[in-house]
Amino acid sequence: MSESDTPSDPAAQEVTPEQWARDLLDLCDDFSQFSQECAFIFDGLAAVAQEPECITPDTSEGIRHVNFWLKYQVIGYREKINRLHSGSVILRRKSKVK
């Protein structure tokens, strides 16, 4: 988590329940799409694994590219979840103060 995502950041203190809820719904929608894309990719990789003789240098490069893409998608989701978690902590603190 970066310093800008910590609850002590003044910009993070501006989180509202409405914005937090919108961000959560957006994350859920994005993750649902990502999950569908992963299912398609994994089916393709399973098919390739059943036919090892069809693995050409281009196929190998494609698999490497997909691996890179998946890795950075997961990192992005982890960062979004961390931001939402920080926002949740801020909102809980605000609700206790009221």
N, C-alpha and C. Protein backbone atom coordinates (compact mmCIF):
# COMPACT_ATOMS: atom_id res chain seq x y z
N MET A 1 0.86 -1.17 0.00
CA MET A 1 0.00 0.00 0.00
C MET A 1 0.90 1.22 0.00
N SER A 2 0.59 2.19 -0.84
CA SER A 2 1.39 3.41 -0.90
C SER A 2 0.98 4.35 0.21
N GLU A 3 1.82 5.34 0.45
CA GLU A 3 1.52 6.30 1.50
C GLU A 3 0.23 7.06 1.22
N SER A 4 -0.09 7.29 -0.07
CA SER A 4 -1.31 8.05 -0.38
C SER A 4 -2.56 7.26 -0.06
N ASP A 5 -2.44 5.96 0.17
CA ASP A 5 -3.60 5.14 0.48
C ASP A 5 -3.83 5.00 1.98
N THR A 6 -2.95 5.54 2.79
CA THR A 6 -3.09 5.38 4.23
C THR A 6 -4.16 6.31 4.76
N PRO A 7 -4.83 5.91 5.83
CA PRO A 7 -5.89 6.74 6.39
C PRO A 7 -5.42 8.10 6.87
N SER A 8 -4.11 8.29 7.13
CA SER A 8 -3.63 9.58 7.60
C SER A 8 -3.51 10.60 6.47
N ASP A 9 -3.67 10.17 5.24
CA ASP A 9 -3.60 11.07 4.09
C ASP A 9 -4.85 11.96 4.08
N PRO A 10 -4.69 13.30 4.03
CA PRO A 10 -5.85 14.20 4.03
C PRO A 10 -6.81 13.93 2.87
N ALA A 11 -6.28 13.59 1.70
CA ALA A 11 -7.17 13.32 0.56
C ALA A 11 -8.03 12.09 0.83
N ALA A 12 -7.46 11.10 1.50
CA ALA A 12 -8.23 9.89 1.82
C ALA A 12 -9.31 10.20 2.85
N GLN A 13 -9.10 11.22 3.67
CA GLN A 13 -10.08 11.59 4.68
C GLN A 13 -11.38 12.08 4.04
N GLU A 14 -11.35 12.43 2.78
CA GLU A 14 -12.51 12.97 2.08
C GLU A 14 -13.48 11.89 1.62
N VAL A 15 -13.21 10.64 1.89
CA VAL A 15 -14.05 9.55 1.42
C VAL A 15 -15.47 9.70 1.99
N THR A 16 -16.44 9.48 1.12
CA THR A 16 -17.83 9.52 1.54
C THR A 16 -18.43 8.12 1.40
N PRO A 17 -19.46 7.82 2.15
CA PRO A 17 -20.09 6.50 2.01
C PRO A 17 -20.59 6.25 0.59
N GLU A 18 -21.10 7.29 -0.05
CA GLU A 18 -21.63 7.14 -1.41
C GLU A 18 -20.52 6.81 -2.40
N GLN A 19 -19.39 7.53 -2.29
CA GLN A 19 -18.27 7.27 -3.21
C GLN A 19 -17.68 5.90 -2.93
N TRP A 20 -17.56 5.55 -1.67
CA TRP A 20 -17.02 4.25 -1.31
C TRP A 20 -17.89 3.13 -1.89
N ALA A 21 -19.21 3.28 -1.78
CA ALA A 21 -20.14 2.27 -2.31
C ALA A 21 -20.03 2.18 -3.83
N ARG A 22 -19.92 3.33 -4.50
CA ARG A 22 -19.74 3.32 -5.97
C ARG A 22 -18.45 2.62 -6.36
N ASP A 23 -17.37 2.92 -5.63
CA ASP A 23 -16.08 2.29 -5.92
C ASP A 23 -16.15 0.78 -5.71
N LEU A 24 -16.86 0.36 -4.66
CA LEU A 24 -17.01 -1.07 -4.40
C LEU A 24 -17.79 -1.75 -5.52
N LEU A 25 -18.89 -1.14 -5.96
CA LEU A 25 -19.67 -1.71 -7.05
C LEU A 25 -18.85 -1.78 -8.34
N ASP A 26 -18.08 -0.72 -8.60
CA ASP A 26 -17.21 -0.73 -9.79
C ASP A 26 -16.19 -1.86 -9.72
N LEU A 27 -15.61 -2.04 -8.55
CA LEU A 27 -14.63 -3.12 -8.37
C LEU A 27 -15.30 -4.48 -8.59
N CYS A 28 -16.48 -4.67 -8.05
CA CYS A 28 -17.20 -5.94 -8.24
C CYS A 28 -17.49 -6.20 -9.71
N ASP A 29 -17.94 -5.16 -10.42
CA ASP A 29 -18.22 -5.31 -11.85
C ASP A 29 -16.95 -5.62 -12.63
N ASP A 30 -15.88 -4.90 -12.32
CA ASP A 30 -14.60 -5.13 -13.00
C ASP A 30 -14.09 -6.54 -12.73
N PHE A 31 -14.20 -6.97 -11.48
CA PHE A 31 -13.71 -8.30 -11.13
C PHE A 31 -14.54 -9.39 -11.79
N SER A 32 -15.83 -9.18 -11.93
CA SER A 32 -16.68 -10.15 -12.61
C SER A 32 -16.23 -10.32 -14.07
N GLN A 33 -15.96 -9.21 -14.74
CA GLN A 33 -15.47 -9.26 -16.12
C GLN A 33 -14.12 -9.97 -16.18
N PHE A 34 -13.23 -9.62 -15.26
CA PHE A 34 -11.91 -10.25 -15.19
C PHE A 34 -12.04 -11.75 -14.98
N SER A 35 -12.94 -12.16 -14.11
CA SER A 35 -13.16 -13.57 -13.83
C SER A 35 -13.61 -14.32 -15.10
N GLN A 36 -14.48 -13.71 -15.87
CA GLN A 36 -14.93 -14.32 -17.12
C GLN A 36 -13.77 -14.45 -18.11
N GLU A 37 -12.95 -13.40 -18.19
CA GLU A 37 -11.79 -13.45 -19.08
C GLU A 37 -10.82 -14.54 -18.65
N CYS A 38 -10.62 -14.68 -17.34
CA CYS A 38 -9.73 -15.72 -16.82
C CYS A 38 -10.25 -17.11 -17.17
N ALA A 39 -11.54 -17.32 -17.03
CA ALA A 39 -12.11 -18.62 -17.36
C ALA A 39 -11.82 -18.97 -18.82
N PHE A 40 -11.97 -18.01 -19.71
CA PHE A 40 -11.69 -18.22 -21.13
C PHE A 40 -10.21 -18.55 -21.34
N ILE A 41 -9.34 -17.76 -20.71
CA ILE A 41 -7.90 -17.98 -20.84
C ILE A 41 -7.50 -19.35 -20.31
N PHE A 42 -8.02 -19.72 -19.14
CA PHE A 42 -7.65 -20.99 -18.53
C PHE A 42 -8.13 -22.17 -19.38
N ASP A 43 -9.30 -22.03 -19.98
CA ASP A 43 -9.77 -23.09 -20.90
C ASP A 43 -8.81 -23.23 -22.07
N GLY A 44 -8.34 -22.10 -22.59
CA GLY A 44 -7.38 -22.13 -23.70
C GLY A 44 -6.06 -22.75 -23.30
N LEU A 45 -5.57 -22.38 -22.13
CA LEU A 45 -4.30 -22.96 -21.66
C LEU A 45 -4.44 -24.46 -21.43
N ALA A 46 -5.58 -24.90 -20.91
CA ALA A 46 -5.80 -26.33 -20.70
C ALA A 46 -5.81 -27.07 -22.03
N ALA A 47 -6.42 -26.46 -23.04
CA ALA A 47 -6.45 -27.10 -24.37
C ALA A 47 -5.05 -27.21 -24.95
N VAL A 48 -4.25 -26.17 -24.78
CA VAL A 48 -2.88 -26.20 -25.29
C VAL A 48 -2.07 -27.27 -24.56
N ALA A 49 -2.27 -27.38 -23.26
CA ALA A 49 -1.53 -28.37 -22.48
C ALA A 49 -1.85 -29.80 -22.91
N GLN A 50 -3.05 -30.01 -23.44
CA GLN A 50 -3.44 -31.36 -23.90
C GLN A 50 -2.81 -31.69 -25.24
N GLU A 51 -2.31 -30.69 -25.94
CA GLU A 51 -1.69 -30.89 -27.25
C GLU A 51 -0.29 -30.26 -27.24
N PRO A 52 0.64 -30.81 -26.46
CA PRO A 52 1.95 -30.16 -26.31
C PRO A 52 2.70 -29.98 -27.63
N GLU A 53 2.41 -30.81 -28.61
CA GLU A 53 3.11 -30.66 -29.90
C GLU A 53 2.71 -29.38 -30.64
N CYS A 54 1.61 -28.77 -30.23
CA CYS A 54 1.19 -27.53 -30.89
C CYS A 54 1.81 -26.28 -30.26
N ILE A 55 2.64 -26.46 -29.23
CA ILE A 55 3.27 -25.31 -28.58
C ILE A 55 4.47 -24.87 -29.40
N THR A 56 4.23 -23.82 -30.15
CA THR A 56 5.27 -23.21 -31.00
C THR A 56 5.90 -22.05 -30.23
N PRO A 57 6.96 -21.48 -30.76
CA PRO A 57 7.52 -20.28 -30.11
C PRO A 57 6.49 -19.16 -29.98
N ASP A 58 5.61 -19.00 -30.96
CA ASP A 58 4.57 -17.98 -30.87
C ASP A 58 3.58 -18.30 -29.74
N THR A 59 3.23 -19.58 -29.61
CA THR A 59 2.33 -19.99 -28.54
C THR A 59 2.98 -19.73 -27.18
N SER A 60 4.23 -20.08 -27.07
CA SER A 60 4.97 -19.86 -25.84
C SER A 60 5.02 -18.36 -25.50
N GLU A 61 5.26 -17.54 -26.49
CA GLU A 61 5.29 -16.09 -26.27
C GLU A 61 3.91 -15.58 -25.86
N GLY A 62 2.85 -16.13 -26.44
CA GLY A 62 1.49 -15.75 -26.06
C GLY A 62 1.19 -16.12 -24.61
N ILE A 63 1.64 -17.30 -24.21
CA ILE A 63 1.44 -17.72 -22.82
C ILE A 63 2.20 -16.79 -21.88
N ARG A 64 3.42 -16.41 -22.25
CA ARG A 64 4.20 -15.48 -21.43
C ARG A 64 3.48 -14.15 -21.32
N HIS A 65 2.93 -13.67 -22.42
CA HIS A 65 2.20 -12.40 -22.42
C HIS A 65 0.96 -12.47 -21.51
N VAL A 66 0.22 -13.56 -21.61
CA VAL A 66 -0.98 -13.73 -20.78
C VAL A 66 -0.58 -13.79 -19.30
N ASN A 67 0.52 -14.48 -19.00
CA ASN A 67 1.00 -14.55 -17.62
C ASN A 67 1.32 -13.15 -17.09
N PHE A 68 2.00 -12.34 -17.89
CA PHE A 68 2.34 -10.96 -17.51
C PHE A 68 1.06 -10.15 -17.26
N TRP A 69 0.09 -10.27 -18.17
CA TRP A 69 -1.18 -9.54 -18.06
C TRP A 69 -1.91 -9.93 -16.78
N LEU A 70 -2.00 -11.26 -16.54
CA LEU A 70 -2.70 -11.73 -15.34
C LEU A 70 -2.03 -11.22 -14.07
N LYS A 71 -0.71 -11.27 -14.04
CA LYS A 71 0.03 -10.82 -12.86
C LYS A 71 -0.30 -9.37 -12.54
N TYR A 72 -0.29 -8.50 -13.53
CA TYR A 72 -0.53 -7.09 -13.28
C TYR A 72 -2.01 -6.77 -13.06
N GLN A 73 -2.90 -7.57 -13.58
CA GLN A 73 -4.32 -7.40 -13.25
C GLN A 73 -4.54 -7.70 -11.77
N VAL A 74 -3.95 -8.78 -11.29
CA VAL A 74 -4.10 -9.16 -9.88
C VAL A 74 -3.49 -8.09 -8.97
N ILE A 75 -2.34 -7.56 -9.34
CA ILE A 75 -1.73 -6.47 -8.56
C ILE A 75 -2.68 -5.28 -8.50
N GLY A 76 -3.29 -4.95 -9.63
CA GLY A 76 -4.23 -3.83 -9.68
C GLY A 76 -5.44 -4.06 -8.78
N TYR A 77 -5.97 -5.28 -8.78
CA TYR A 77 -7.11 -5.58 -7.90
C TYR A 77 -6.71 -5.49 -6.44
N ARG A 78 -5.51 -5.98 -6.12
CA ARG A 78 -5.05 -5.89 -4.73
C ARG A 78 -4.94 -4.43 -4.29
N GLU A 79 -4.44 -3.56 -5.16
CA GLU A 79 -4.33 -2.14 -4.82
C GLU A 79 -5.71 -1.51 -4.64
N LYS A 80 -6.66 -1.86 -5.50
CA LYS A 80 -8.03 -1.33 -5.37
C LYS A 80 -8.67 -1.81 -4.07
N ILE A 81 -8.47 -3.07 -3.74
CA ILE A 81 -9.03 -3.61 -2.49
C ILE A 81 -8.40 -2.89 -1.30
N ASN A 82 -7.10 -2.66 -1.35
CA ASN A 82 -6.44 -1.94 -0.25
C ASN A 82 -6.99 -0.52 -0.09
N ARG A 83 -7.26 0.17 -1.20
CA ARG A 83 -7.84 1.51 -1.13
C ARG A 83 -9.24 1.46 -0.52
N LEU A 84 -10.04 0.48 -0.94
CA LEU A 84 -11.38 0.35 -0.37
C LEU A 84 -11.30 0.02 1.12
N HIS A 85 -10.38 -0.81 1.49
CA HIS A 85 -10.21 -1.15 2.90
C HIS A 85 -9.85 0.10 3.70
N SER A 86 -8.92 0.89 3.18
CA SER A 86 -8.55 2.13 3.87
C SER A 86 -9.75 3.06 4.00
N GLY A 87 -10.54 3.15 2.94
CA GLY A 87 -11.75 3.97 2.98
C GLY A 87 -12.74 3.46 4.00
N SER A 88 -12.85 2.15 4.11
CA SER A 88 -13.75 1.55 5.09
C SER A 88 -13.32 1.92 6.51
N VAL A 89 -12.02 1.88 6.76
CA VAL A 89 -11.50 2.24 8.08
C VAL A 89 -11.83 3.69 8.39
N ILE A 90 -11.65 4.56 7.42
CA ILE A 90 -11.94 5.99 7.60
C ILE A 90 -13.43 6.19 7.89
N LEU A 91 -14.28 5.53 7.12
CA LEU A 91 -15.73 5.68 7.33
C LEU A 91 -16.16 5.17 8.70
N ARG A 92 -15.58 4.07 9.15
CA ARG A 92 -15.91 3.55 10.49
C ARG A 92 -15.49 4.55 11.57
N ARG A 93 -14.31 5.13 11.39
CA ARG A 93 -13.85 6.13 12.37
C ARG A 93 -14.77 7.34 12.38
N LYS A 94 -15.17 7.79 11.19
CA LYS A 94 -16.08 8.95 11.11
C LYS A 94 -17.42 8.64 11.78
N SER A 95 -17.93 7.43 11.58
CA SER A 95 -19.23 7.08 12.16
C SER A 95 -19.16 6.98 13.68
N LYS A 96 -18.02 6.60 14.22
CA LYS A 96 -17.85 6.52 15.67
C LYS A 96 -17.75 7.91 16.30
N VAL A 97 -17.23 8.89 15.53
CA VAL A 97 -17.05 10.24 16.03
C VAL A 97 -18.40 10.95 16.14
N LYS A 98 -19.30 10.62 15.25
CA LYS A 98 -20.60 11.33 15.22
C LYS A 98 -21.46 11.02 16.40
